[in-house]
Amino acid sequence: METLQKICLVVTIIGAIAWGLIGLFNYNFIEAIFGADMFARVIYTLVGITGLINIGILFNHIKNI
């Protein structure tokens, strides 16, 4: 589970950086790298899924305190 948590954290951080760049500079580096096609949508979907997994990890950690 620790490996999954680290992978999800890295993907979530990359997603946060992507949204930060969109908000600050109106630059979408995901679309710049992968294009505005289905692959970019898959990347955004993965970021969303990892965010949901991180929420579960957060609540699991709170419950264990």
C-alpha atoms as a PDB file:
ATOM      1  CA  MET A   1       0.000   0.000   0.000  1.00  0.00           C
ATOM      2  CA  GLU A   2       2.881   2.354   0.665  1.00  0.00           C
ATOM      3  CA  THR A   3       3.974   2.152  -2.987  1.00  0.00           C
ATOM      4  CA  LEU A   4       0.449   2.980  -4.177  1.00  0.00           C
ATOM      5  CA  GLN A   5       0.359   5.961  -1.810  1.00  0.00           C
ATOM      6  CA  LYS A   6       3.646   7.304  -3.170  1.00  0.00           C
ATOM      7  CA  ILE A   7       2.550   6.872  -6.783  1.00  0.00           C
ATOM      8  CA  CYS A   8      -0.751   8.616  -6.078  1.00  0.00           C
ATOM      9  CA  LEU A   9       1.017  11.431  -4.281  1.00  0.00           C
ATOM     10  CA  VAL A  10       3.407  12.015  -7.203  1.00  0.00           C
ATOM     11  CA  VAL A  11       0.575  12.016  -9.747  1.00  0.00           C
ATOM     12  CA  THR A  12      -1.461  14.379  -7.568  1.00  0.00           C
ATOM     13  CA  ILE A  13       1.495  16.763  -7.244  1.00  0.00           C
ATOM     14  CA  ILE A  14       1.974  16.756 -11.024  1.00  0.00           C
ATOM     15  CA  GLY A  15      -1.732  17.508 -11.416  1.00  0.00           C
ATOM     16  CA  ALA A  16      -1.527  20.353  -8.913  1.00  0.00           C
ATOM     17  CA  ILE A  17       1.427  21.848 -10.783  1.00  0.00           C
ATOM     18  CA  ALA A  18      -0.519  21.545 -14.045  1.00  0.00           C
ATOM     19  CA  TRP A  19      -3.505  23.386 -12.570  1.00  0.00           C
ATOM     20  CA  GLY A  20      -1.205  25.996 -11.055  1.00  0.00           C
ATOM     21  CA  LEU A  21       0.337  26.689 -14.445  1.00  0.00           C
ATOM     22  CA  ILE A  22      -3.116  26.957 -16.007  1.00  0.00           C
ATOM     23  CA  GLY A  23      -4.272  29.362 -13.299  1.00  0.00           C
ATOM     24  CA  LEU A  24      -1.178  31.554 -13.246  1.00  0.00           C
ATOM     25  CA  PHE A  25       0.005  31.567 -16.851  1.00  0.00           C
ATOM     26  CA  ASN A  26      -2.866  30.049 -18.861  1.00  0.00           C
ATOM     27  CA  TYR A  27      -0.386  27.350 -19.977  1.00  0.00           C
ATOM     28  CA  ASN A  28      -1.505  23.730 -20.127  1.00  0.00           C
ATOM     29  CA  PHE A  29       1.666  21.627 -20.172  1.00  0.00           C
ATOM     30  CA  ILE A  30      -0.297  18.357 -20.306  1.00  0.00           C
ATOM     31  CA  GLU A  31      -1.807  19.371 -23.631  1.00  0.00           C
ATOM     32  CA  ALA A  32       1.541  20.806 -24.741  1.00  0.00           C
ATOM     33  CA  ILE A  33       3.241  17.454 -24.119  1.00  0.00           C
ATOM     34  CA  PHE A  34       0.481  15.002 -25.119  1.00  0.00           C
ATOM     35  CA  GLY A  35      -1.743  17.112 -27.357  1.00  0.00           C
ATOM     36  CA  ALA A  36      -5.419  17.901 -26.910  1.00  0.00           C
ATOM     37  CA  ASP A  37      -6.546  14.374 -27.717  1.00  0.00           C
ATOM     38  CA  MET A  38      -7.798  11.358 -25.820  1.00  0.00           C
ATOM     39  CA  PHE A  39      -4.419  10.721 -24.156  1.00  0.00           C
ATOM     40  CA  ALA A  40      -4.542  14.072 -22.349  1.00  0.00           C
ATOM     41  CA  ARG A  41      -8.036  13.182 -21.100  1.00  0.00           C
ATOM     42  CA  VAL A  42      -6.668   9.883 -19.772  1.00  0.00           C
ATOM     43  CA  ILE A  43      -3.943  11.800 -17.890  1.00  0.00           C
ATOM     44  CA  TYR A  44      -6.533  14.131 -16.329  1.00  0.00           C
ATOM     45  CA  THR A  45      -8.707  11.135 -15.399  1.00  0.00           C
ATOM     46  CA  LEU A  46      -5.746   9.440 -13.697  1.00  0.00           C
ATOM     47  CA  VAL A  47      -5.035  12.613 -11.736  1.00  0.00           C
ATOM     48  CA  GLY A  48      -8.670  12.704 -10.602  1.00  0.00           C
ATOM     49  CA  ILE A  49      -8.607   9.052  -9.541  1.00  0.00           C
ATOM     50  CA  THR A  50      -5.390   9.525  -7.584  1.00  0.00           C
ATOM     51  CA  GLY A  51      -6.941  12.534  -5.860  1.00  0.00           C
ATOM     52  CA  LEU A  52      -9.837  10.357  -4.733  1.00  0.00           C
ATOM     53  CA  ILE A  53      -7.410   7.696  -3.513  1.00  0.00           C
ATOM     54  CA  ASN A  54      -5.545  10.375  -1.560  1.00  0.00           C
ATOM     55  CA  ILE A  55      -8.793  11.432   0.104  1.00  0.00           C
ATOM     56  CA  GLY A  56      -9.306   7.836   1.207  1.00  0.00           C
ATOM     57  CA  ILE A  57      -5.745   7.680   2.532  1.00  0.00           C
ATOM     58  CA  LEU A  58      -6.300  10.929   4.458  1.00  0.00           C
ATOM     59  CA  PHE A  59      -9.461   9.663   6.142  1.00  0.00           C
ATOM     60  CA  ASN A  60      -7.838   6.303   6.881  1.00  0.00           C
ATOM     61  CA  HIS A  61      -4.936   8.137   8.553  1.00  0.00           C
ATOM     62  CA  ILE A  62      -7.324  10.298  10.602  1.00  0.00           C
ATOM     63  CA  LYS A  63      -9.273   7.222  11.694  1.00  0.00           C
ATOM     64  CA  ASN A  64      -6.054   5.541  12.902  1.00  0.00           C
ATOM     65  CA  ILE A  65      -5.059   8.449  15.166  1.00  0.00           C
END
